[in-house]
Amino acid sequence: MPVDPGTLTADELARLLREAEQAHGAYERELGERDEDWPTWYATWILDQLRERGAGPGP
C-alpha cells in the first residue's frame, strides 16, 4: 500500500515506529550490544519502508 508522505497520518507513523522498534530490537540482539546510534537506524529503516511502499524521497 503506497504511503504519500504528504498524507502520512499519525496512526501510520506510529505503526511504522512500532515496527521499527521490533526490527531494531532484533538487530540489537544480533549485534549483541546496545546501538547508541538508534535514531539513525530508525530513520533509515522508516525511509526504506516508505520507499518500498512507493513513497518517500529517492536514494
PDB file of N, CA and C in Angstrom:
ATOM      1  N   MET A   1       0.850  -1.175   0.000  1.00  0.00           N
ATOM      2  CA  MET A   1       0.000   0.000   0.000  1.00  0.00           C
ATOM      3  C   MET A   1       0.895   1.238   0.000  1.00  0.00           C
ATOM      4  N   PRO A   2       0.933   2.002  -1.072  1.00  0.00           N
ATOM      5  CA  PRO A   2       1.766   3.216  -1.105  1.00  0.00           C
ATOM      6  C   PRO A   2       1.308   4.239  -0.076  1.00  0.00           C
ATOM      7  N   VAL A   3       2.283   4.876   0.525  1.00  0.00           N
ATOM      8  CA  VAL A   3       2.006   5.915   1.508  1.00  0.00           C
ATOM      9  C   VAL A   3       2.576   7.216   0.975  1.00  0.00           C
ATOM     10  N   ASP A   4       1.732   8.204   0.793  1.00  0.00           N
ATOM     11  CA  ASP A   4       2.174   9.521   0.352  1.00  0.00           C
ATOM     12  C   ASP A   4       2.675  10.247   1.591  1.00  0.00           C
ATOM     13  N   PRO A   5       3.983  10.612   1.626  1.00  0.00           N
ATOM     14  CA  PRO A   5       4.485  11.264   2.828  1.00  0.00           C
ATOM     15  C   PRO A   5       3.749  12.555   3.162  1.00  0.00           C
ATOM     16  N   GLY A   6       3.131  13.172   2.162  1.00  0.00           N
ATOM     17  CA  GLY A   6       2.361  14.380   2.421  1.00  0.00           C
ATOM     18  C   GLY A   6       1.054  14.105   3.126  1.00  0.00           C
ATOM     19  N   THR A   7       0.606  12.843   3.082  1.00  0.00           N
ATOM     20  CA  THR A   7      -0.649  12.482   3.732  1.00  0.00           C
ATOM     21  C   THR A   7      -0.446  11.425   4.816  1.00  0.00           C
ATOM     22  N   LEU A   8       0.797  11.201   5.206  1.00  0.00           N
ATOM     23  CA  LEU A   8       1.103  10.234   6.251  1.00  0.00           C
ATOM     24  C   LEU A   8       0.403  10.662   7.539  1.00  0.00           C
ATOM     25  N   THR A   9      -0.398   9.770   8.082  1.00  0.00           N
ATOM     26  CA  THR A   9      -1.140  10.103   9.297  1.00  0.00           C
ATOM     27  C   THR A   9      -0.325   9.753  10.537  1.00  0.00           C
ATOM     28  N   ALA A  10      -0.753  10.288  11.652  1.00  0.00           N
ATOM     29  CA  ALA A  10      -0.103   9.972  12.922  1.00  0.00           C
ATOM     30  C   ALA A  10      -0.217   8.479  13.211  1.00  0.00           C
ATOM     31  N   ASP A  11      -1.342   7.867  12.887  1.00  0.00           N
ATOM     32  CA  ASP A  11      -1.515   6.428  13.103  1.00  0.00           C
ATOM     33  C   ASP A  11      -0.539   5.620  12.259  1.00  0.00           C
ATOM     34  N   GLU A  12      -0.376   6.027  10.988  1.00  0.00           N
ATOM     35  CA  GLU A  12       0.557   5.317  10.105  1.00  0.00           C
ATOM     36  C   GLU A  12       1.997   5.474  10.591  1.00  0.00           C
ATOM     37  N   LEU A  13       2.363   6.676  11.007  1.00  0.00           N
ATOM     38  CA  LEU A  13       3.708   6.906  11.520  1.00  0.00           C
ATOM     39  C   LEU A  13       3.936   6.123  12.811  1.00  0.00           C
ATOM     40  N   ALA A  14       2.955   6.105  13.681  1.00  0.00           N
ATOM     41  CA  ALA A  14       3.062   5.343  14.923  1.00  0.00           C
ATOM     42  C   ALA A  14       3.247   3.856  14.624  1.00  0.00           C
ATOM     43  N   ARG A  15       2.525   3.350  13.625  1.00  0.00           N
ATOM     44  CA  ARG A  15       2.672   1.946  13.242  1.00  0.00           C
ATOM     45  C   ARG A  15       4.093   1.685  12.746  1.00  0.00           C
ATOM     46  N   LEU A  16       4.615   2.580  11.908  1.00  0.00           N
ATOM     47  CA  LEU A  16       5.986   2.430  11.425  1.00  0.00           C
ATOM     48  C   LEU A  16       6.998   2.475  12.571  1.00  0.00           C
ATOM     49  N   LEU A  17       6.769   3.352  13.536  1.00  0.00           N
ATOM     50  CA  LEU A  17       7.670   3.429  14.690  1.00  0.00           C
ATOM     51  C   LEU A  17       7.622   2.141  15.518  1.00  0.00           C
ATOM     52  N   ARG A  18       6.425   1.574  15.692  1.00  0.00           N
ATOM     53  CA  ARG A  18       6.316   0.307  16.434  1.00  0.00           C
ATOM     54  C   ARG A  18       7.027  -0.810  15.677  1.00  0.00           C
ATOM     55  N   GLU A  19       6.863  -0.849  14.356  1.00  0.00           N
ATOM     56  CA  GLU A  19       7.542  -1.864  13.550  1.00  0.00           C
ATOM     57  C   GLU A  19       9.053  -1.669  13.610  1.00  0.00           C
ATOM     58  N   ALA A  20       9.495  -0.417  13.573  1.00  0.00           N
ATOM     59  CA  ALA A  20      10.927  -0.129  13.660  1.00  0.00           C
ATOM     60  C   ALA A  20      11.475  -0.588  15.016  1.00  0.00           C
ATOM     61  N   GLU A  21      10.717  -0.365  16.084  1.00  0.00           N
ATOM     62  CA  GLU A  21      11.154  -0.797  17.411  1.00  0.00           C
ATOM     63  C   GLU A  21      11.385  -2.304  17.443  1.00  0.00           C
ATOM     64  N   GLN A  22      10.456  -3.063  16.873  1.00  0.00           N
ATOM     65  CA  GLN A  22      10.593  -4.520  16.852  1.00  0.00           C
ATOM     66  C   GLN A  22      11.796  -4.945  16.014  1.00  0.00           C
ATOM     67  N   ALA A  23      11.942  -4.352  14.837  1.00  0.00           N
ATOM     68  CA  ALA A  23      13.063  -4.690  13.954  1.00  0.00           C
ATOM     69  C   ALA A  23      14.390  -4.298  14.599  1.00  0.00           C
ATOM     70  N   HIS A  24      14.409  -3.157  15.267  1.00  0.00           N
ATOM     71  CA  HIS A  24      15.645  -2.705  15.904  1.00  0.00           C
ATOM     72  C   HIS A  24      16.015  -3.594  17.082  1.00  0.00           C
ATOM     73  N   GLY A  25      15.023  -4.060  17.813  1.00  0.00           N
ATOM     74  CA  GLY A  25      15.293  -4.998  18.906  1.00  0.00           C
ATOM     75  C   GLY A  25      15.972  -6.254  18.399  1.00  0.00           C
ATOM     76  N   ALA A  26      15.488  -6.777  17.275  1.00  0.00           N
ATOM     77  CA  ALA A  26      16.107  -7.960  16.667  1.00  0.00           C
ATOM     78  C   ALA A  26      17.531  -7.638  16.218  1.00  0.00           C
ATOM     79  N   TYR A  27      17.726  -6.456  15.658  1.00  0.00           N
ATOM     80  CA  TYR A  27      19.056  -6.016  15.221  1.00  0.00           C
ATOM     81  C   TYR A  27      20.014  -5.942  16.412  1.00  0.00           C
ATOM     82  N   GLU A  28      19.572  -5.358  17.529  1.00  0.00           N
ATOM     83  CA  GLU A  28      20.428  -5.246  18.706  1.00  0.00           C
ATOM     84  C   GLU A  28      20.757  -6.630  19.289  1.00  0.00           C
ATOM     85  N   ARG A  29      19.792  -7.542  19.278  1.00  0.00           N
ATOM     86  CA  ARG A  29      20.065  -8.903  19.765  1.00  0.00           C
ATOM     87  C   ARG A  29      21.137  -9.559  18.898  1.00  0.00           C
ATOM     88  N   GLU A  30      21.036  -9.367  17.588  1.00  0.00           N
ATOM     89  CA  GLU A  30      22.029  -9.915  16.664  1.00  0.00           C
ATOM     90  C   GLU A  30      23.387  -9.236  16.869  1.00  0.00           C
ATOM     91  N   LEU A  31      23.363  -7.943  17.089  1.00  0.00           N
ATOM     92  CA  LEU A  31      24.577  -7.157  17.309  1.00  0.00           C
ATOM     93  C   LEU A  31      25.250  -7.537  18.630  1.00  0.00           C
ATOM     94  N   GLY A  32      24.434  -7.896  19.624  1.00  0.00           N
ATOM     95  CA  GLY A  32      24.956  -8.297  20.916  1.00  0.00           C
ATOM     96  C   GLY A  32      25.250  -7.144  21.856  1.00  0.00           C
ATOM     97  N   GLU A  33      24.799  -5.964  21.498  1.00  0.00           N
ATOM     98  CA  GLU A  33      25.001  -4.789  22.347  1.00  0.00           C
ATOM     99  C   GLU A  33      23.992  -3.713  21.982  1.00  0.00           C
ATOM    100  N   ARG A  34      23.928  -2.696  22.842  1.00  0.00           N
ATOM    101  CA  ARG A  34      23.025  -1.573  22.595  1.00  0.00           C
ATOM    102  C   ARG A  34      23.550  -0.733  21.441  1.00  0.00           C
ATOM    103  N   ASP A  35      22.663  -0.346  20.549  1.00  0.00           N
ATOM    104  CA  ASP A  35      23.018   0.511  19.419  1.00  0.00           C
ATOM    105  C   ASP A  35      22.855   1.961  19.857  1.00  0.00           C
ATOM    106  N   GLU A  36      23.965   2.632  20.083  1.00  0.00           N
ATOM    107  CA  GLU A  36      23.924   4.022  20.546  1.00  0.00           C
ATOM    108  C   GLU A  36      23.388   4.975  19.477  1.00  0.00           C
ATOM    109  N   ASP A  37      23.493   4.585  18.222  1.00  0.00           N
ATOM    110  CA  ASP A  37      23.017   5.447  17.131  1.00  0.00           C
ATOM    111  C   ASP A  37      21.645   4.988  16.638  1.00  0.00           C
ATOM    112  N   TRP A  38      20.797   4.591  17.595  1.00  0.00           N
ATOM    113  CA  TRP A  38      19.469   4.083  17.225  1.00  0.00           C
ATOM    114  C   TRP A  38      18.631   5.090  16.442  1.00  0.00           C
ATOM    115  N   PRO A  39      18.737   6.399  16.665  1.00  0.00           N
ATOM    116  CA  PRO A  39      17.902   7.317  15.874  1.00  0.00           C
ATOM    117  C   PRO A  39      18.186   7.231  14.372  1.00  0.00           C
ATOM    118  N   THR A  40      19.467   7.098  14.004  1.00  0.00           N
ATOM    119  CA  THR A  40      19.807   6.969  12.587  1.00  0.00           C
ATOM    120  C   THR A  40      19.283   5.650  12.040  1.00  0.00           C
ATOM    121  N   TRP A  41      19.388   4.582  12.828  1.00  0.00           N
ATOM    122  CA  TRP A  41      18.894   3.277  12.393  1.00  0.00           C
ATOM    123  C   TRP A  41      17.379   3.349  12.153  1.00  0.00           C
ATOM    124  N   TYR A  42      16.643   3.932  13.104  1.00  0.00           N
ATOM    125  CA  TYR A  42      15.186   4.071  12.960  1.00  0.00           C
ATOM    126  C   TYR A  42      14.843   4.889  11.717  1.00  0.00           C
ATOM    127  N   ALA A  43      15.521   6.018  11.548  1.00  0.00           N
ATOM    128  CA  ALA A  43      15.226   6.899  10.409  1.00  0.00           C
ATOM    129  C   ALA A  43      15.464   6.179   9.094  1.00  0.00           C
ATOM    130  N   THR A  44      16.580   5.475   8.990  1.00  0.00           N
ATOM    131  CA  THR A  44      16.893   4.743   7.763  1.00  0.00           C
ATOM    132  C   THR A  44      15.866   3.653   7.516  1.00  0.00           C
ATOM    133  N   TRP A  45      15.497   2.921   8.550  1.00  0.00           N
ATOM    134  CA  TRP A  45      14.536   1.828   8.407  1.00  0.00           C
ATOM    135  C   TRP A  45      13.172   2.351   7.942  1.00  0.00           C
ATOM    136  N   ILE A  46      12.725   3.452   8.549  1.00  0.00           N
ATOM    137  CA  ILE A  46      11.423   4.018   8.180  1.00  0.00           C
ATOM    138  C   ILE A  46      11.456   4.540   6.751  1.00  0.00           C
ATOM    139  N   LEU A  47      12.513   5.235   6.365  1.00  0.00           N
ATOM    140  CA  LEU A  47      12.613   5.719   4.984  1.00  0.00           C
ATOM    141  C   LEU A  47      12.626   4.554   4.005  1.00  0.00           C
ATOM    142  N   ASP A  48      13.326   3.473   4.343  1.00  0.00           N
ATOM    143  CA  ASP A  48      13.328   2.291   3.480  1.00  0.00           C
ATOM    144  C   ASP A  48      11.924   1.717   3.340  1.00  0.00           C
ATOM    145  N   GLN A  49      11.189   1.651   4.440  1.00  0.00           N
ATOM    146  CA  GLN A  49       9.815   1.134   4.384  1.00  0.00           C
ATOM    147  C   GLN A  49       8.939   2.003   3.492  1.00  0.00           C
ATOM    148  N   LEU A  50       9.080   3.311   3.603  1.00  0.00           N
ATOM    149  CA  LEU A  50       8.293   4.220   2.770  1.00  0.00           C
ATOM    150  C   LEU A  50       8.665   4.067   1.296  1.00  0.00           C
ATOM    151  N   ARG A  51       9.959   3.907   1.017  1.00  0.00           N
ATOM    152  CA  ARG A  51      10.387   3.702  -0.383  1.00  0.00           C
ATOM    153  C   ARG A  51       9.801   2.416  -0.946  1.00  0.00           C
ATOM    154  N   GLU A  52       9.808   1.355  -0.149  1.00  0.00           N
ATOM    155  CA  GLU A  52       9.241   0.069  -0.590  1.00  0.00           C
ATOM    156  C   GLU A  52       7.751   0.203  -0.890  1.00  0.00           C
ATOM    157  N   ARG A  53       7.088   1.094  -0.207  1.00  0.00           N
ATOM    158  CA  ARG A  53       5.650   1.298  -0.412  1.00  0.00           C
ATOM    159  C   ARG A  53       5.388   2.323  -1.514  1.00  0.00           C
ATOM    160  N   GLY A  54       6.454   2.805  -2.150  1.00  0.00           N
ATOM    161  CA  GLY A  54       6.280   3.737  -3.257  1.00  0.00           C
ATOM    162  C   GLY A  54       6.154   5.187  -2.833  1.00  0.00           C
ATOM    163  N   ALA A  55       6.658   5.523  -1.661  1.00  0.00           N
ATOM    164  CA  ALA A  55       6.592   6.900  -1.183  1.00  0.00           C
ATOM    165  C   ALA A  55       7.941   7.272  -0.595  1.00  0.00           C
ATOM    166  N   GLY A  56       8.075   8.505  -0.290  1.00  0.00           N
ATOM    167  CA  GLY A  56       9.286   8.977   0.353  1.00  0.00           C
ATOM    168  C   GLY A  56      10.340   9.373  -0.638  1.00  0.00           C
ATOM    169  N   PRO A  57      11.384  10.023  -0.154  1.00  0.00           N
ATOM    170  CA  PRO A  57      12.440  10.503  -1.033  1.00  0.00           C
ATOM    171  C   PRO A  57      13.201   9.368  -1.660  1.00  0.00           C
ATOM    172  N   GLY A  58      13.714   9.602  -2.830  1.00  0.00           N
ATOM    173  CA  GLY A  58      14.507   8.607  -3.552  1.00  0.00           C
ATOM    174  C   GLY A  58      15.862   8.418  -2.903  1.00  0.00           C
ATOM    175  N   PRO A  59      16.713   7.605  -3.535  1.00  0.00           N
ATOM    176  CA  PRO A  59      18.034   7.308  -2.946  1.00  0.00           C
ATOM    177  C   PRO A  59      18.877   8.516  -2.705  1.00  0.00           C
TER     178      PRO A  59
END
